[in-house]
Protein backbone atom coordinates (compact mmCIF):
# COMPACT_ATOMS: atom_id res chain seq x y z
CA MET A 1 -18.07 -14.32 15.56
CA HIS A 2 -20.04 -14.95 12.49
CA ALA A 3 -21.18 -17.92 10.35
CA ARG A 4 -18.88 -18.68 7.46
CA PRO A 5 -19.86 -16.55 4.49
CA THR A 6 -21.46 -18.29 1.57
CA GLN A 7 -19.44 -17.90 -1.59
CA ARG A 8 -21.45 -16.34 -4.46
CA ARG A 9 -21.83 -18.58 -7.53
CA SER A 10 -22.31 -16.01 -10.21
CA VAL A 11 -19.44 -17.40 -12.19
CA SER A 12 -20.07 -20.67 -14.31
CA ALA A 13 -18.17 -23.70 -13.63
CA VAL A 14 -16.49 -23.41 -17.03
CA LEU A 15 -15.36 -19.94 -16.26
CA LEU A 16 -14.08 -20.84 -12.86
CA LEU A 17 -12.06 -23.63 -14.30
CA SER A 18 -10.51 -21.47 -16.85
CA VAL A 19 -9.61 -18.98 -14.24
CA ALA A 20 -8.08 -21.58 -12.08
CA LEU A 21 -6.00 -22.93 -14.92
CA ALA A 22 -4.67 -19.39 -15.54
CA GLY A 23 -3.37 -19.34 -11.83
CA GLY A 24 -6.09 -16.98 -10.64
CA CYS A 25 -7.68 -19.43 -8.07
CA LYS A 26 -5.96 -21.25 -5.32
CA GLU A 27 -7.90 -24.42 -6.05
CA ALA A 28 -5.84 -25.28 -9.10
CA PRO A 29 -2.28 -24.82 -10.08
CA GLY A 30 -1.34 -22.32 -12.72
CA THR A 31 -0.27 -23.46 -16.07
CA PRO A 32 3.51 -24.27 -16.07
CA GLY A 33 5.53 -21.49 -17.52
CA ALA A 34 2.47 -19.05 -17.62
CA SER A 35 2.85 -15.66 -16.25
CA ALA A 36 -0.80 -15.15 -15.18
CA PRO A 37 -1.55 -11.86 -13.51
CA SER A 38 -2.28 -13.54 -10.06
CA GLY A 39 -1.29 -12.29 -6.58
CA ASP A 40 -1.59 -15.89 -5.63
CA ALA A 41 1.16 -16.90 -7.96
CA GLY A 42 3.72 -14.75 -6.34
CA SER A 43 6.85 -16.54 -7.37
CA SER A 44 6.06 -16.23 -11.09
CA ALA A 45 8.36 -13.82 -12.97
CA PRO A 46 6.40 -10.91 -14.32
CA ALA A 47 6.48 -9.99 -17.99
CA ALA A 48 8.64 -7.07 -18.74
CA PRO A 49 6.87 -3.63 -18.78
CA PRO A 50 5.87 -2.45 -22.23
CA SER A 51 8.18 -0.06 -23.84
CA GLY A 52 7.25 2.92 -25.95
CA THR A 53 3.54 3.01 -26.76
CA THR A 54 1.23 0.55 -24.98
CA GLY A 55 -1.06 -1.88 -26.73
CA PRO A 56 -4.78 -2.16 -26.36
CA GLY A 57 -6.42 -3.32 -23.31
CA THR A 58 -9.37 -2.79 -21.05
CA PRO A 59 -8.64 -0.18 -18.51
CA THR A 60 -9.16 -1.15 -14.97
CA ALA A 61 -7.98 1.94 -13.33
CA PRO A 62 -9.16 5.60 -13.07
CA ALA A 63 -8.63 7.99 -15.96
CA THR A 64 -5.60 10.24 -16.22
CA SER A 65 -5.58 13.84 -17.15
CA ALA A 66 -3.09 15.16 -19.63
CA SER A 67 -3.26 18.66 -18.09
CA ALA A 68 -1.22 19.63 -15.07
CA PRO A 69 -2.93 18.84 -11.85
CA ALA A 70 -3.51 21.27 -9.06
CA PRO A 71 -0.77 21.38 -6.33
CA GLY A 72 -1.10 18.39 -4.02
CA THR A 73 -3.27 16.29 -6.47
CA SER A 74 -2.71 12.99 -8.14
CA ALA A 75 -1.71 12.52 -11.71
CA THR A 76 -4.83 10.40 -12.09
CA SER A 77 -8.57 11.46 -11.97
CA PRO A 78 -11.89 9.73 -12.19
CA THR A 79 -12.58 11.80 -15.22
CA GLY A 80 -10.59 12.30 -18.49
CA SER A 81 -8.93 9.66 -20.66
CA PRO A 82 -8.11 6.27 -19.21
CA PRO A 83 -4.58 5.09 -18.46
CA SER A 84 -3.02 2.63 -20.88
CA ALA A 85 -3.14 -1.14 -20.26
CA SER A 86 -0.88 -3.64 -21.80
CA GLY A 87 -0.35 -7.10 -20.70
CA GLY A 88 -1.36 -6.42 -17.05
CA TRP A 89 0.73 -3.30 -16.82
CA ILE A 90 -1.48 -0.22 -16.19
CA THR A 91 0.56 2.91 -17.20
CA VAL A 92 -0.01 6.36 -15.75
CA ASP A 93 0.23 9.54 -17.88
CA ALA A 94 3.88 10.49 -17.59
CA ALA A 95 3.40 14.19 -18.06
CA ALA A 96 0.51 14.43 -15.60
CA GLN A 97 2.56 12.36 -13.03
CA ALA A 98 5.59 14.68 -13.57
CA ALA A 99 3.42 17.69 -12.98
CA ALA A 100 1.84 16.20 -9.83
CA THR A 101 5.18 15.48 -8.44
CA ARG A 102 6.44 19.05 -9.14
CA ALA A 103 3.27 20.39 -7.58
CA PHE A 104 3.66 18.13 -4.46
CA PHE A 105 7.22 19.27 -3.77
CA ALA A 106 6.25 22.89 -4.33
CA ARG A 107 3.99 22.65 -1.24
CA LYS A 108 5.27 24.21 1.84
CA PRO A 109 5.06 21.79 4.86
CA LYS A 110 3.06 22.81 7.83
CA PRO A 111 5.48 24.01 10.58
CA VAL A 112 5.84 21.34 13.15
CA THR A 113 4.41 22.30 16.52
CA GLY A 114 4.50 20.70 20.03
CA ASN A 115 6.88 17.79 20.50
CA PRO A 116 5.87 15.03 18.14
CA VAL A 117 7.58 11.74 18.07
CA LYS A 118 10.43 11.69 15.49
CA VAL A 119 8.98 8.86 13.35
CA PRO A 120 7.60 9.44 9.85
CA GLU A 121 4.18 8.10 10.13
CA PHE A 122 0.47 8.65 10.20
CA ASN A 123 -2.33 6.15 10.50
CA VAL A 124 -6.10 5.39 10.12
CA GLY A 125 -8.07 3.12 12.50
CA CYS A 126 -10.41 0.67 10.88
CA THR A 127 -12.98 -2.03 11.69
CA THR A 128 -14.24 -4.86 9.43
CA SER A 129 -16.66 -3.69 6.65
CA HIS A 130 -17.73 -6.89 4.88
CA HIS A 131 -16.73 -10.39 3.45
CA ASN A 132 -17.09 -11.74 -0.09
CA SER A 133 -15.30 -14.08 -2.34
CA ASP A 134 -14.11 -11.35 -4.60
CA ASP A 135 -10.72 -9.81 -5.47
CA PRO A 136 -10.89 -6.76 -7.69
CA ILE A 137 -7.16 -6.55 -8.15
CA VAL A 138 -6.46 -10.23 -9.07
CA LEU A 139 -9.77 -11.26 -10.56
CA PRO A 140 -11.58 -8.10 -11.59
CA LYS A 141 -15.23 -8.48 -12.56
CA LEU A 142 -15.22 -12.17 -11.66
CA VAL A 143 -17.87 -12.28 -8.82
CA GLY A 144 -17.18 -15.13 -6.44
CA ALA A 145 -14.10 -16.38 -8.18
CA SER A 146 -11.66 -15.97 -5.23
CA HIS A 147 -11.21 -17.39 -1.83
CA ASN A 148 -13.07 -15.45 0.83
CA HIS A 149 -11.72 -12.09 1.87
CA THR A 150 -12.33 -9.80 4.94
CA PHE A 151 -12.60 -6.14 3.81
CA TRP A 152 -12.08 -2.94 5.61
CA GLY A 153 -12.26 0.69 4.58
CA ASN A 154 -14.36 1.27 1.58
CA ARG A 155 -17.80 -0.43 2.10
CA SER A 156 -18.45 -0.92 -1.56
CA THR A 157 -15.43 -3.19 -2.44
CA ASP A 158 -16.27 -6.08 -4.64
CA ALA A 159 -15.22 -7.79 -7.85
CA THR A 160 -16.36 -4.85 -9.95
CA SER A 161 -14.63 -2.12 -7.92
CA THR A 162 -12.44 0.42 -9.75
CA ALA A 163 -10.59 3.44 -8.48
CA GLY A 164 -13.42 5.48 -9.80
CA SER A 165 -16.23 3.50 -7.97
CA LEU A 166 -14.19 3.59 -4.77
CA ARG A 167 -13.95 7.35 -5.07
CA ALA A 168 -17.58 7.60 -5.67
CA SER A 169 -18.45 5.65 -2.59
CA LYS A 170 -18.31 7.77 0.60
CA ALA A 171 -18.78 5.03 3.17
CA THR A 172 -15.72 3.79 4.95
CA THR A 173 -15.17 1.77 8.09
CA CYS A 174 -11.95 3.79 8.81
CA ASN A 175 -11.79 6.86 11.06
CA SER A 176 -10.75 9.29 8.28
CA PRO A 177 -13.60 10.09 5.76
CA ASP A 178 -10.77 11.32 3.41
CA ASP A 179 -9.60 7.66 3.08
CA GLN A 180 -11.85 5.95 0.57
CA SER A 181 -9.24 3.18 -0.10
CA ALA A 182 -9.89 -0.55 -0.04
CA TYR A 183 -8.01 -2.97 2.16
CA TRP A 184 -8.41 -6.67 2.40
CA VAL A 185 -6.85 -9.97 3.62
CA PRO A 186 -7.99 -13.65 3.43
CA THR A 187 -10.75 -14.39 6.10
CA MET A 188 -9.67 -16.16 9.26
CA TYR A 189 -11.68 -19.12 10.53
CA GLN A 190 -11.51 -21.18 13.78
CA ASN A 191 -13.09 -24.58 13.30
CA GLY A 192 -15.01 -23.27 10.38
CA THR A 193 -16.38 -20.18 12.02
CA VAL A 194 -15.31 -16.67 10.91
CA VAL A 195 -13.02 -14.69 13.29
CA ASP A 196 -13.08 -11.01 12.46
CA PRO A 197 -10.45 -8.57 13.63
CA THR A 198 -11.40 -6.50 16.60
CA GLU A 199 -9.51 -3.66 15.08
CA VAL A 200 -7.08 -2.85 12.33
CA THR A 201 -4.68 0.01 12.28
CA VAL A 202 -3.20 1.02 8.89
CA TYR A 203 0.17 2.81 9.18
CA TYR A 204 1.59 5.00 6.46
CA GLY A 205 5.27 5.50 7.08
CA SER A 206 8.72 5.19 5.56
CA ARG A 207 11.54 2.61 6.16
CA LEU A 208 14.00 4.53 4.04
CA LYS A 209 17.06 6.23 5.41
CA ASP A 210 15.78 9.61 4.17
CA PRO A 211 12.04 9.88 4.13
CA SER A 212 12.05 13.54 3.04
CA ARG A 213 11.37 12.75 -0.67
CA THR A 214 8.48 10.55 -0.06
CA GLN A 215 5.50 11.54 -2.29
CA PRO A 216 1.89 10.26 -2.43
CA PHE A 217 0.85 7.21 -4.44
CA PRO A 218 -1.03 8.12 -7.54
CA PHE A 219 -4.87 7.67 -7.37
CA GLY A 220 -5.69 4.13 -8.24
CA LEU A 221 -2.35 2.46 -7.52
CA ARG A 222 -2.83 -1.00 -6.30
CA MET A 223 -0.65 -3.68 -4.94
CA ILE A 224 -0.37 -7.07 -3.13
CA THR A 225 2.19 -8.31 -0.65
CA GLY A 226 2.56 -11.87 0.54
CA ASN A 227 1.70 -15.08 -1.30
CA ALA A 228 -1.47 -17.09 -1.05
CA LYS A 229 0.34 -20.23 -2.30
CA ASN A 230 2.82 -20.18 0.55
CA GLN A 231 1.65 -22.86 2.94
CA VAL A 232 4.79 -23.54 5.00
CA ASP A 233 7.23 -21.41 6.95
CA THR A 234 10.28 -19.88 5.44
CA PRO A 235 13.57 -21.83 5.87
CA ASP A 236 14.88 -19.19 8.38
CA LYS A 237 11.62 -19.49 10.30
CA GLN A 238 11.36 -15.69 10.05
CA GLY A 239 8.47 -15.34 7.61
CA ASN A 240 4.79 -15.02 7.70
CA HIS A 241 4.05 -15.15 11.55
CA PHE A 242 1.33 -14.18 13.92
CA TRP A 243 2.37 -13.05 17.34
CA CYS A 244 0.90 -12.03 20.88
CA ALA A 245 0.55 -8.44 21.89
CA GLY A 246 -0.32 -7.37 25.43
CA ILE A 247 0.64 -8.23 28.88
CA GLY A 248 2.07 -11.72 29.29
CA GLY A 249 2.79 -12.26 25.55
CA GLU A 250 3.22 -15.75 24.28
CA ILE A 251 2.99 -18.64 26.63
CA GLY A 252 2.98 -21.54 24.15
CA ARG A 253 2.10 -22.85 20.70
CA SER A 254 -0.96 -24.23 19.13
CA ALA A 255 -1.38 -28.02 18.55
CA ASP A 256 -0.03 -27.66 15.02
CA THR A 257 2.66 -25.22 16.22
CA THR A 258 1.73 -22.60 13.67
CA PHE A 259 0.01 -20.11 15.94
CA PRO A 260 1.14 -18.76 19.36
CA VAL A 261 -0.93 -19.29 22.54
CA CYS A 262 -1.16 -15.97 24.29
CA ALA A 263 -1.64 -15.09 27.94
CA LYS A 264 -5.31 -14.21 28.69
CA THR A 265 -4.20 -10.59 28.92
CA ALA A 266 -2.80 -10.69 25.27
CA HIS A 267 -4.15 -11.33 21.95
CA ILE A 268 -3.21 -12.49 18.54
CA VAL A 269 -1.79 -9.86 16.15
CA ARG A 270 -0.52 -9.95 12.49
CA GLN A 271 1.40 -7.28 10.92
CA ILE A 272 1.81 -7.01 7.13
CA THR A 273 3.99 -4.45 5.45
CA PHE A 274 4.03 -3.34 1.75
CA PRO A 275 6.96 -1.99 -0.24
CA ASP A 276 7.69 1.78 -0.25
CA CYS A 277 9.46 2.21 -3.52
CA TRP A 278 7.49 2.67 -6.86
CA ASP A 279 8.64 2.48 -10.41
CA GLY A 280 7.03 5.86 -11.17
CA LYS A 281 5.19 4.47 -14.20
CA HIS A 282 2.56 1.93 -13.50
CA LEU A 283 -0.59 1.74 -11.29
CA ASP A 284 -0.31 -2.15 -11.43
CA SER A 285 1.59 -4.97 -13.00
CA PRO A 286 0.94 -8.57 -14.01
CA ASP A 287 1.72 -10.08 -10.70
CA HIS A 288 0.56 -6.84 -8.82
CA LYS A 289 4.02 -6.62 -7.26
CA ALA A 290 6.63 -5.94 -9.96
CA HIS A 291 5.80 -2.05 -10.13
CA MET A 292 6.90 -1.95 -6.41
CA ALA A 293 10.01 -2.67 -4.54
CA ASN A 294 11.61 -2.33 -1.13
CA GLY A 295 14.56 -0.13 -0.41
CA ASP A 296 18.01 -1.48 -1.12
CA HIS A 297 20.88 -2.25 1.21
CA THR A 298 21.68 1.47 1.47
CA GLY A 299 18.23 2.35 2.75
CA ALA A 300 17.22 4.08 -0.46
CA CYS A 301 14.98 3.16 -3.35
CA PRO A 302 16.64 1.04 -6.13
CA LYS A 303 17.15 2.60 -9.50
CA SER A 304 14.55 0.36 -10.96
CA HIS A 305 11.97 1.74 -8.61
CA PRO A 306 13.25 5.27 -7.75
CA VAL A 307 10.07 7.00 -6.27
CA PRO A 308 9.67 6.81 -2.48
CA VAL A 309 6.04 6.45 -1.53
CA PRO A 310 4.49 5.72 1.90
CA SER A 311 5.11 2.25 3.22
CA VAL A 312 1.60 0.85 4.08
CA SER A 313 1.47 -1.55 6.95
CA PHE A 314 -1.46 -3.34 8.46
CA VAL A 315 -1.55 -4.20 12.12
CA ILE A 316 -4.53 -6.57 12.57
CA SER A 317 -5.79 -7.53 16.03
CA TYR A 318 -7.83 -10.73 16.37
CA PRO A 319 -9.91 -11.60 19.60
CA LEU A 320 -7.89 -14.85 20.29
CA SER A 321 -5.59 -15.52 23.09
CA ALA A 322 -5.23 -18.88 24.94
CA ASN A 323 -7.42 -20.92 22.40
CA THR A 324 -5.69 -20.81 19.06
CA ASP A 325 -6.23 -24.42 17.91
CA GLY A 326 -8.11 -25.00 14.72
CA ILE A 327 -7.29 -21.64 13.06
CA THR A 328 -7.11 -21.48 9.22
CA LEU A 329 -7.14 -18.80 6.62
CA ALA A 330 -9.51 -18.87 3.57
CA SER A 331 -6.17 -19.21 1.47
CA GLY A 332 -4.95 -22.21 3.72
CA THR A 333 -2.42 -22.09 6.52
CA SER A 334 -1.20 -19.06 8.48
CA PHE A 335 1.90 -18.80 6.16
CA SER A 336 -0.48 -18.10 3.26
CA MET A 337 -1.40 -14.66 4.76
CA HIS A 338 -1.25 -11.87 2.22
CA ALA A 339 -2.77 -8.49 1.78
CA ASP A 340 -4.16 -6.12 -0.82
CA PHE A 341 -4.36 -2.31 -1.08
CA PHE A 342 -6.31 -0.17 -3.56
CA ASN A 343 -5.60 3.52 -3.08
CA ALA A 344 -8.63 5.82 -3.21
CA TRP A 345 -7.41 8.54 -0.87
CA LYS A 346 -8.70 12.01 -1.54
CA ASP A 347 -5.80 13.69 -3.26
CA GLU A 348 -5.33 16.76 -1.13
CA ALA A 349 -5.74 14.99 2.15
CA LEU A 350 -3.14 12.25 1.37
CA ALA A 351 -0.73 14.91 0.00
CA ALA A 352 -1.04 17.01 3.23
CA ARG A 353 -0.23 14.03 5.34
CA VAL A 354 2.64 12.92 3.29
CA ARG A 355 4.24 16.35 3.18
CA ASN A 356 3.62 17.33 6.77
CA CYS A 357 4.30 14.16 8.49
CA LEU A 358 6.46 11.72 6.43
CA ASP A 359 8.58 14.38 4.64
CA GLN A 360 9.30 16.09 8.04
CA GLY A 361 9.93 12.79 9.77
CA VAL A 362 7.29 13.16 12.47
CA LYS A 363 4.42 11.10 13.78
CA CYS A 364 0.84 12.43 13.20
CA ASP A 365 -2.56 11.07 14.14
CA SER A 366 -5.38 9.82 11.98
CA ALA A 367 -6.40 13.40 11.16
CA GLY A 368 -2.94 14.26 9.91
CA ASN A 369 -2.17 16.43 13.03
CA PHE A 370 1.08 16.45 15.01
């Protein structure tokens, strides 16, 4: 365990107040009726995506290339002209994305060998990288303006991170050097002391009825799942829950009933799953969620988000078992758990894993092997 990280104070009080009033910080409520681009807002209805040409805006994503990408590569690149930004919608180059999709499905999958499990999945195993009070998706360039986060994957992640800077940084705490993505969740505390995960497994899979048309995310896609403003359980009691993994499982509840008490041979785990349907047009949206969706009741992607992409899922193991009193998150109660993903996989490595593993409905390891 570590001492509580000290928040950096490089943002002035005036700026922090203005950010809070815009809905970016958890310390102050958002302006009624505003549609601030905040993952903490969650329940705010996002603005409609721009139609036709996009208006001016500061690009916060990697550049796109108008030329057709090589087979297996993304429609975006750290060099070339930047994607368009308008009102929080970050738009990919449509022609380049179409070319990338054609190139991907022109790939011949590697023949399945051995007897792999018939589950469309691959994974990376990760450990904690660092903590800071930054959020490059919700509060880009605002150092210290967020609640504290625990990061894994790319070691360089901070408030100034872009897809290009993540790609330029080679250091990662995940077991695949091809994955330069950034992952983060609110920091966990027990009685004011940081509790870091002992390990995190990031699964890439599909929950759709037919995973064979799954394609890679574009380079620079970012998304959030969960809501930092949720401080209570869902009415059906099936919401944001931690659970016990291991022999003996759950044997009781914490004093505040929000956490399980685990047998000494078990430990606290939290699983967080992102949507696996993309609108095919945007790297990001004002609420960092509207460009993504879950499959519909038929097990397919809805017409509004027709592109199947890998379903990212964090399985986070914490070194806690019998003593689970006094646990909080930097965002509040256990029900405020949320997660962020910023894609910076090397294009060829991600394309190979998606084509060979997910599209063929088989389980691969962290190296992409059957």
